[in-house]
Protein backbone atom coordinates (compact mmCIF):
# COMPACT_ATOMS: atom_id res chain seq x y z
CA MET A 1 -111.75 1.71 3.01
CA ASN A 2 -110.05 0.42 0.68
CA ASP A 3 -108.31 -1.90 3.07
CA TYR A 4 -111.85 -3.44 3.53
CA LYS A 5 -112.14 -3.75 0.14
CA LEU A 6 -108.50 -5.41 0.08
CA ILE A 7 -109.15 -7.73 2.88
CA ILE A 8 -112.90 -8.78 1.84
CA GLU A 9 -111.14 -9.75 -1.61
CA ILE A 10 -108.59 -12.13 -0.02
CA LEU A 11 -110.89 -13.69 2.20
CA LYS A 12 -113.20 -14.80 -0.77
CA LYS A 13 -109.97 -15.95 -2.71
CA VAL A 14 -108.81 -17.83 0.48
CA ILE A 15 -112.83 -19.45 1.20
CA SER A 16 -112.51 -20.58 -2.28
CA GLY A 17 -109.11 -22.49 -1.69
CA ALA A 18 -106.84 -20.92 -2.94
CA ASN A 19 -103.56 -20.30 -0.21
CA LEU A 20 -103.64 -18.13 2.71
CA ASN A 21 -99.59 -17.13 2.02
CA GLU A 22 -99.62 -16.45 -1.57
CA VAL A 23 -102.56 -14.42 -1.73
CA VAL A 24 -101.66 -12.01 0.58
CA ASN A 25 -98.55 -11.61 -0.10
CA GLU A 26 -100.30 -10.31 -3.85
CA TYR A 27 -101.01 -7.47 -1.58
CA LYS A 28 -97.57 -6.81 -0.37
CA ASN A 29 -96.96 -3.68 -1.58
CA GLU A 30 -99.84 -1.92 -0.10
CA VAL A 31 -99.34 0.76 2.17
CA ASN A 32 -101.79 -0.68 4.71
CA TYR A 33 -100.08 -3.99 4.69
CA PRO A 34 -99.03 -5.81 8.02
CA LYS A 35 -102.92 -4.30 8.91
CA ILE A 36 -104.55 -6.26 5.90
CA LYS A 37 -102.51 -9.54 6.59
CA SER A 38 -103.29 -9.10 10.58
CA ILE A 39 -107.08 -9.27 9.82
CA THR A 40 -106.99 -11.64 7.16
CA TYR A 41 -104.99 -14.36 9.30
CA ASN A 42 -106.80 -13.98 12.58
CA LEU A 43 -109.77 -13.99 10.87
CA ILE A 44 -109.16 -17.10 9.36
CA ARG A 45 -108.07 -18.18 12.72
CA TYR A 46 -111.07 -18.29 14.42
CA TYR A 47 -112.96 -18.38 11.45
CA TYR A 48 -115.64 -21.12 12.70
CA SER A 49 -116.08 -18.94 15.54
CA ILE A 50 -117.03 -15.84 13.81
CA GLU A 51 -119.08 -18.16 11.06
CA TYR A 52 -121.16 -19.16 14.44
CA PHE A 53 -121.55 -15.67 15.32
CA THR A 54 -122.79 -14.59 11.91
CA ASN A 55 -125.08 -17.18 11.24
CA LYS A 56 -126.94 -16.45 14.87
CA LEU A 57 -126.76 -13.26 14.26
CA LEU A 58 -127.53 -12.27 10.11
CA THR A 59 -130.89 -14.09 9.49
CA LYS A 60 -131.14 -13.54 6.31
CA LYS A 61 -128.53 -14.44 4.33
CA ASN A 62 -126.43 -12.06 1.64
CA PRO A 63 -123.50 -12.92 0.23
CA ASN A 64 -122.62 -9.43 -0.36
CA LEU A 65 -122.74 -9.03 3.61
CA ASP A 66 -121.53 -12.20 4.63
CA LEU A 67 -117.56 -11.73 5.18
CA ILE A 68 -118.45 -7.33 5.50
CA ILE A 69 -119.75 -8.80 8.81
CA LYS A 70 -117.40 -11.48 9.49
CA VAL A 71 -114.92 -8.62 9.43
CA GLY A 72 -116.51 -6.43 12.02
CA ILE A 73 -117.51 -9.14 14.33
CA TYR A 74 -113.73 -10.12 14.31
CA GLU A 75 -112.77 -6.36 14.90
CA LEU A 76 -115.31 -5.91 17.64
CA TRP A 77 -114.30 -8.99 19.19
CA LEU A 78 -110.91 -9.86 18.82
CA THR A 79 -108.80 -5.98 18.41
CA GLU A 80 -109.29 -2.65 20.62
CA LYS A 81 -110.21 -0.50 17.59
CA PRO A 82 -112.90 1.20 19.39
CA GLU A 83 -116.44 -0.01 18.63
CA TYR A 84 -118.08 3.16 17.10
CA ALA A 85 -115.24 3.44 14.79
CA ILE A 86 -115.44 -0.45 13.52
CA ILE A 87 -119.31 0.15 12.55
CA ASN A 88 -119.22 3.62 11.43
CA ASP A 89 -116.15 2.83 8.99
CA LEU A 90 -118.04 -0.55 7.76
CA VAL A 91 -120.98 1.48 7.20
CA GLU A 92 -119.47 3.75 5.01
CA TYR A 93 -117.66 0.71 3.17
CA THR A 94 -120.99 -0.68 2.73
CA LYS A 95 -122.32 2.34 1.14
CA ASN A 96 -119.63 2.81 -1.42
CA GLU A 97 -120.14 -0.75 -2.07
CA PHE A 98 -123.50 -2.04 -2.06
CA ASN A 99 -125.76 1.24 -1.51
CA GLY A 100 -129.09 0.42 0.73
CA LEU A 101 -127.41 -2.20 2.81
CA GLN A 102 -125.63 -0.60 5.51
CA GLY A 103 -128.56 -0.09 7.47
CA VAL A 104 -128.12 -4.22 7.72
CA ILE A 105 -124.51 -3.70 8.99
CA ASN A 106 -125.19 -1.33 11.63
CA ALA A 107 -127.78 -3.27 13.15
CA VAL A 108 -126.28 -6.81 13.20
CA LEU A 109 -122.68 -5.31 14.66
CA ARG A 110 -124.74 -3.23 17.34
CA LYS A 111 -126.40 -6.50 17.78
CA PHE A 112 -123.53 -8.24 18.43
CA ILE A 113 -122.20 -5.56 20.93
CA LEU A 114 -125.28 -6.74 23.07
CA GLN A 115 -125.17 -10.11 22.78
CA LYS A 116 -120.88 -10.70 22.85
CA ASN A 117 -120.49 -11.78 25.88
CA ASP A 118 -123.82 -14.45 25.97
CA LEU A 119 -122.18 -15.86 22.44
CA VAL A 120 -118.68 -16.17 23.49
CA GLU A 121 -119.84 -18.17 26.28
CA GLU A 122 -121.53 -20.50 23.91
CA LEU A 123 -118.01 -21.35 22.02
CA ASN A 124 -117.42 -23.63 25.14
CA LYS A 125 -120.18 -25.93 24.13
CA ASP A 126 -118.24 -27.54 20.50
CA TYR A 127 -114.64 -27.76 20.49
CA LYS A 128 -115.30 -27.27 16.92
CA LEU A 129 -115.92 -23.16 17.93
CA LEU A 130 -113.41 -23.25 20.38
CA TYR A 131 -111.01 -24.21 19.05
CA ASN A 132 -111.80 -23.25 15.15
CA LEU A 133 -111.13 -27.01 14.08
CA PRO A 134 -113.33 -29.30 11.55
CA ASP A 135 -114.79 -31.65 12.72
CA TRP A 136 -112.81 -34.57 10.96
CA LEU A 137 -109.59 -33.32 12.59
CA ILE A 138 -110.92 -33.36 15.99
CA THR A 139 -111.94 -36.72 15.57
CA LYS A 140 -108.53 -37.83 14.04
CA ILE A 141 -106.55 -36.11 16.84
CA LYS A 142 -108.12 -36.96 19.86
CA GLU A 143 -108.43 -40.82 18.26
CA GLN A 144 -104.54 -40.43 17.47
CA TYR A 145 -103.35 -38.72 20.36
CA LYS A 146 -106.41 -39.26 23.24
CA THR A 147 -104.61 -37.11 26.31
CA GLN A 148 -102.56 -34.92 24.21
CA ALA A 149 -105.15 -33.80 22.02
CA LEU A 150 -106.48 -30.31 23.54
CA ASP A 151 -102.79 -29.54 24.29
CA ILE A 152 -102.57 -29.42 20.97
CA PHE A 153 -106.37 -27.94 20.06
CA LYS A 154 -104.64 -25.05 22.05
CA SER A 155 -101.73 -24.91 20.52
CA PHE A 156 -103.34 -24.11 16.72
CA MET A 157 -104.80 -21.40 18.20
CA LEU A 158 -101.45 -19.46 19.08
CA PRO A 159 -99.71 -16.92 17.01
CA PRO A 160 -96.57 -18.65 14.76
CA SER A 161 -93.58 -18.80 16.65
CA PHE A 162 -90.34 -17.36 15.81
CA GLY A 163 -87.37 -19.54 15.24
CA ILE A 164 -84.06 -18.54 14.02
CA ARG A 165 -80.95 -20.73 12.85
CA ILE A 166 -77.35 -19.86 12.86
CA ASN A 167 -75.15 -20.20 10.10
CA PRO A 168 -72.20 -21.96 11.76
CA GLN A 169 -69.58 -20.98 8.91
CA LYS A 170 -70.42 -17.16 9.53
CA ILE A 171 -71.27 -16.92 13.25
CA THR A 172 -71.61 -19.43 16.66
CA GLN A 173 -74.26 -19.42 18.66
CA THR A 174 -72.81 -17.59 21.66
CA GLU A 175 -71.54 -15.21 19.37
CA TYR A 176 -75.14 -14.27 17.93
CA LEU A 177 -77.30 -14.70 21.28
CA ASN A 178 -75.00 -11.93 22.50
CA LYS A 179 -75.96 -9.88 19.76
CA LEU A 180 -79.60 -10.23 20.51
CA THR A 181 -79.09 -9.66 24.16
CA ASN A 182 -77.38 -6.11 22.82
CA GLU A 183 -80.12 -5.22 20.81
CA ASN A 184 -82.49 -5.73 23.73
CA ILE A 185 -84.45 -8.74 21.76
CA ASP A 186 -85.65 -11.23 23.95
CA TYR A 187 -85.61 -15.40 23.07
CA THR A 188 -85.86 -18.50 24.67
CA ILE A 189 -83.56 -21.38 24.16
CA ILE A 190 -85.23 -24.94 23.23
CA ASN A 191 -83.03 -28.08 22.93
CA ASN A 192 -80.44 -25.57 21.85
CA LYS A 193 -82.16 -23.89 19.39
CA ILE A 194 -83.33 -20.03 19.21
CA VAL A 195 -86.99 -18.62 19.42
CA ILE A 196 -87.53 -14.86 19.45
CA ASN A 197 -90.50 -14.49 21.90
CA LYS A 198 -92.09 -11.43 20.21
CA ALA A 199 -92.11 -11.10 15.72
CA ILE A 200 -90.30 -8.66 14.44
CA SER A 201 -89.60 -8.31 10.87
CA VAL A 202 -87.27 -9.38 8.98
CA GLN A 203 -85.26 -6.17 8.75
CA LYS A 204 -84.73 -6.01 12.29
CA ILE A 205 -83.37 -9.64 12.63
CA PRO A 206 -79.29 -8.46 13.34
CA MET A 207 -77.40 -10.11 10.79
CA PHE A 208 -80.21 -11.56 8.60
CA ASN A 209 -78.91 -10.01 5.43
CA ASP A 210 -75.75 -11.07 5.46
CA GLY A 211 -76.28 -14.51 5.98
CA TYR A 212 -75.12 -15.23 9.37
CA VAL A 213 -78.73 -16.57 10.22
CA SER A 214 -82.28 -17.73 9.19
CA ILE A 215 -85.62 -17.59 10.19
CA GLN A 216 -86.96 -21.28 10.52
CA ASP A 217 -89.10 -22.70 12.71
CA ILE A 218 -87.62 -24.70 15.45
CA ALA A 219 -88.99 -28.42 14.57
CA ALA A 220 -87.55 -27.98 10.87
CA GLN A 221 -84.11 -27.15 12.32
CA TYR A 222 -84.50 -31.44 14.13
CA LEU A 223 -82.96 -32.59 10.65
CA LEU A 224 -79.41 -32.03 11.99
CA ASP A 225 -80.70 -33.38 15.65
CA LEU A 226 -81.14 -37.04 14.03
CA ILE A 227 -78.20 -36.77 11.34
CA ASN A 228 -75.55 -35.87 14.47
CA LYS A 229 -77.30 -38.11 16.89
CA ASN A 230 -76.49 -41.54 14.36
CA ASP A 231 -73.29 -40.09 13.37
CA ILE A 232 -74.65 -40.40 9.19
CA LYS A 233 -71.54 -39.40 6.78
CA PHE A 234 -72.33 -38.50 2.85
CA LYS A 235 -71.14 -36.84 0.42
CA ASN A 236 -73.96 -36.53 -2.34
CA VAL A 237 -77.15 -35.57 -1.11
CA LEU A 238 -80.75 -34.96 -3.30
CA ASP A 239 -82.72 -32.28 -1.12
CA ALA A 240 -86.03 -34.07 -3.33
CA CYS A 241 -88.78 -31.34 -2.94
CA ALA A 242 -86.40 -28.45 -1.89
CA ALA A 243 -88.54 -25.26 -1.85
CA PRO A 244 -88.06 -22.83 -0.18
CA GLY A 245 -84.80 -24.37 0.35
CA GLY A 246 -84.50 -24.15 4.10
CA LYS A 247 -83.59 -27.70 4.99
CA THR A 248 -81.38 -27.28 1.48
CA CYS A 249 -79.23 -24.42 3.03
CA GLN A 250 -79.23 -26.15 7.13
CA ILE A 251 -77.37 -28.68 4.96
CA LEU A 252 -75.23 -27.03 3.47
CA GLU A 253 -74.17 -24.73 6.20
CA ASN A 254 -73.73 -27.54 8.38
CA TYR A 255 -71.71 -30.55 6.29
CA LYS A 256 -69.41 -30.73 3.06
CA CYS A 257 -71.04 -32.13 0.36
CA ILE A 258 -72.50 -32.07 -3.00
CA LEU A 259 -76.40 -31.20 -2.87
CA THR A 260 -78.58 -31.05 -5.83
CA ALA A 261 -82.24 -29.60 -5.38
CA LEU A 262 -84.99 -31.10 -7.04
CA GLU A 263 -88.18 -28.76 -6.97
CA VAL A 264 -91.50 -29.20 -9.34
CA ASN A 265 -92.60 -25.87 -9.71
CA LYS A 266 -90.60 -23.83 -11.38
CA SER A 267 -91.06 -20.45 -10.16
CA ARG A 268 -90.18 -21.57 -6.98
CA LEU A 269 -86.50 -22.85 -7.69
CA SER A 270 -85.95 -18.74 -7.90
CA ARG A 271 -86.44 -18.51 -3.67
CA ILE A 272 -84.12 -21.56 -3.62
CA GLN A 273 -81.90 -19.55 -5.32
CA GLU A 274 -82.06 -16.41 -3.02
CA ASN A 275 -81.68 -18.29 0.27
CA LEU A 276 -78.38 -20.01 -1.31
CA ASP A 277 -77.38 -16.54 -2.61
CA ARG A 278 -77.65 -14.09 0.54
CA LEU A 279 -75.97 -17.39 2.96
CA ASN A 280 -73.27 -17.58 0.05
CA LEU A 281 -74.25 -21.61 -0.76
CA SER A 282 -74.29 -23.31 -3.99
CA ALA A 283 -76.29 -26.12 -5.10
CA LYS A 284 -77.14 -27.83 -8.71
CA LEU A 285 -81.11 -26.56 -9.01
CA ILE A 286 -83.39 -29.26 -11.13
CA ASN A 287 -86.96 -28.49 -12.21
CA GLY A 288 -88.21 -31.81 -11.69
CA ASP A 289 -90.78 -34.27 -10.03
CA ALA A 290 -89.95 -36.52 -7.93
CA THR A 291 -92.45 -39.26 -8.33
CA ASN A 292 -90.25 -39.93 -11.84
CA LYS A 293 -86.53 -40.42 -13.00
CA LYS A 294 -86.66 -38.24 -16.21
CA TRP A 295 -84.54 -35.34 -14.37
CA TRP A 296 -82.14 -38.24 -13.37
CA ASP A 297 -78.68 -37.92 -15.07
CA GLY A 298 -77.99 -41.90 -13.16
CA TYR A 299 -75.17 -41.13 -10.83
CA LYS A 300 -77.09 -42.34 -6.90
CA PHE A 301 -77.12 -40.34 -3.48
CA ASP A 302 -75.59 -41.69 -0.93
CA PHE A 303 -78.18 -39.58 0.80
CA ILE A 304 -81.82 -38.29 0.28
CA LEU A 305 -83.86 -35.85 2.20
CA ALA A 306 -87.71 -36.66 1.17
CA ASP A 307 -89.45 -33.58 2.47
CA VAL A 308 -92.65 -35.05 1.07
CA PRO A 309 -95.80 -33.03 0.27
CA CYS A 310 -98.22 -33.00 3.06
CA SER A 311 -101.64 -32.14 4.46
CA ALA A 312 -98.99 -29.59 6.83
CA ILE A 313 -101.68 -30.01 9.42
CA GLY A 314 -98.57 -29.51 11.79
CA THR A 315 -98.12 -25.62 10.70
CA ILE A 316 -101.74 -24.75 11.15
CA LYS A 317 -100.66 -22.15 13.52
CA ARG A 318 -98.89 -20.39 10.80
CA ASN A 319 -100.95 -21.71 7.69
CA PRO A 320 -104.35 -21.25 9.19
CA ASP A 321 -106.42 -21.26 6.32
CA ILE A 322 -105.54 -25.02 6.07
CA LYS A 323 -108.41 -25.17 8.79
CA ILE A 324 -110.98 -24.23 5.91
CA VAL A 325 -109.61 -25.53 2.68
CA ARG A 326 -108.43 -29.09 4.27
CA ARG A 327 -110.47 -31.93 3.27
CA GLU A 328 -110.00 -35.30 5.54
CA ILE A 329 -110.23 -36.88 1.73
CA ASP A 330 -107.32 -34.82 1.13
CA ILE A 331 -105.15 -37.15 3.34
CA ASN A 332 -105.51 -40.28 1.38
CA ASN A 333 -104.33 -37.96 -1.68
CA PHE A 334 -101.39 -37.17 0.27
CA VAL A 335 -100.85 -40.30 1.62
CA ASN A 336 -100.78 -41.71 -2.52
CA ILE A 337 -98.39 -38.79 -3.60
CA GLN A 338 -95.92 -39.81 -0.38
CA ARG A 339 -95.49 -43.15 -1.49
CA GLU A 340 -95.26 -42.63 -4.90
CA ILE A 341 -92.20 -40.22 -4.14
CA VAL A 342 -90.37 -42.49 -1.86
CA THR A 343 -90.35 -45.69 -3.86
CA ASN A 344 -89.64 -43.51 -6.87
CA LEU A 345 -86.26 -42.04 -4.86
CA TRP A 346 -85.63 -45.45 -3.49
CA ASP A 347 -84.19 -46.12 -7.01
CA LEU A 348 -82.00 -43.38 -6.49
CA LEU A 349 -80.41 -44.06 -3.48
CA SER A 350 -77.22 -46.24 -2.94
CA ASN A 351 -76.95 -49.39 -1.20
CA ASP A 352 -76.11 -48.77 2.67
CA GLY A 353 -76.94 -44.92 1.76
CA TYR A 354 -79.82 -43.44 4.18
CA MET A 355 -83.15 -41.48 3.12
CA VAL A 356 -84.74 -38.92 6.04
CA TYR A 357 -88.67 -38.70 5.53
CA SER A 358 -90.05 -35.87 7.02
CA THR A 359 -93.85 -34.29 7.02
CA CYS A 360 -95.51 -31.11 8.45
CA SER A 361 -97.98 -33.31 9.02
CA ILE A 362 -98.83 -35.13 12.71
CA LEU A 363 -101.03 -37.30 11.85
CA ASN A 364 -100.11 -41.44 11.58
CA GLU A 365 -101.61 -41.75 8.37
CA GLU A 366 -99.11 -39.52 6.74
CA ASN A 367 -96.12 -40.81 8.87
CA GLU A 368 -95.69 -44.38 11.04
CA ASP A 369 -98.62 -45.41 8.44
CA ASN A 370 -95.91 -45.19 5.88
CA ILE A 371 -93.06 -45.96 7.30
CA ASN A 372 -94.98 -49.24 7.67
CA TRP A 373 -96.31 -49.24 4.55
CA PHE A 374 -92.54 -48.64 3.35
CA LYS A 375 -91.16 -51.56 5.21
CA ASN A 376 -93.58 -53.78 3.69
CA SER A 377 -92.98 -52.67 -0.16
CA LEU A 378 -89.36 -51.39 -0.27
CA SER A 379 -86.35 -53.80 -0.28
CA LYS A 380 -83.70 -53.21 2.14
CA PHE A 381 -85.52 -50.79 3.81
CA LYS A 382 -84.96 -50.56 7.32
CA LEU A 383 -86.17 -47.41 10.05
CA ILE A 384 -83.24 -46.39 12.76
CA ASP A 385 -84.96 -43.58 14.01
CA GLU A 386 -87.97 -41.25 14.33
CA ILE A 387 -88.69 -37.92 15.54
CA LYS A 388 -91.90 -36.49 16.62
CA ILE A 389 -92.60 -32.91 17.35
CA LEU A 390 -95.99 -31.80 18.26
CA PRO A 391 -96.78 -28.10 17.99
CA SER A 392 -96.63 -25.86 20.91
CA ALA A 393 -95.80 -22.37 21.68
CA ASN A 394 -92.41 -22.42 20.43
CA SER A 395 -92.74 -24.48 17.15
CA ASP A 396 -94.85 -26.52 14.92
CA GLY A 397 -95.46 -30.21 14.20
CA LEU A 398 -93.16 -32.22 12.29
CA TYR A 399 -92.11 -36.01 11.78
CA TYR A 400 -88.70 -37.28 10.79
CA ALA A 401 -88.07 -40.65 9.86
CA LEU A 402 -84.40 -42.00 9.08
CA ILE A 403 -84.10 -44.79 6.84
CA LYS A 404 -81.18 -47.19 5.35
CA LYS A 405 -81.17 -49.26 2.46
CA GLY A 406 -79.49 -52.24 3.40
């Protein structure tokens, strides 16, 4: 019964605006952590559908029962746990926590079983219910992507993909693929990048602890494609919004350079250092804000990665809480921060230096529209190349723009 209590604690925090991943990680030492994580992530992934069912079945609102019923509906609809066990467990949990209300739980969940097929059929009438997205985001994606919108909506309902990044200082891709084959781990190659077909625990990833590979969505690996395609050379690099350090390490694995990793959140610097240590790499770590120069020593960089804070719409598969906590007004707030960061960093970039502007959003406001604003606002701004990856079964959605100063 304690699992249900923890699951409901997590859901309350997330619905109130807390980050799902951060909240769930607080419970990682619980005995049934994988179960707790699975239920919370998947319930949030299907939140609007489950909320619709709950509102149809629970005629009299009761905040103490609402989340219990949502958990029950999720398990009855989307898991293989026997129906009688779900009802018995949740009735017992309710009896312990809210004695006197267990009869309501029993009645509502049995009603869902009887009406399930008809209720599920009703989801088809509304994209919000079918794809579990807020109306504002559905409208925006339909306006910006038209014929591609439906594929994007469908991709958001898929489980996150599992990308692997090779550390070329320690192993070749061919050698590592042989290792995967020998250990019966199925994989797919997408644009020379590895996707594990079925997610596995970190402990089961061959050679991970020894720094031969890292977990990184393949969309986040296209930074190298952009650099190599345009034959960009650099020596002094700034990763301006560096945590958790995936792209910091990717650059150091592939290029000889001096790299400074800047991160405004002091507590997240340790995550960057952990990744560097595992991969046997080194960088200068600074706790500082990319919107100002208080941390800067005055020496300019010839390459800056501005992987700016964003709405993260392209990562909804991985972060399903975005569906329920992100608001349309947040987009303008992110755009303002993004412009402030790039404008500040522009002064730190040497003449003839390069910047990569990147987001894990697919919204034009945070990407192409920002590039147009930079063109009109920053001197010597020259767009060299762009890559936009839309979310799919194999990757998140990301945007990259390669910019030259001069």
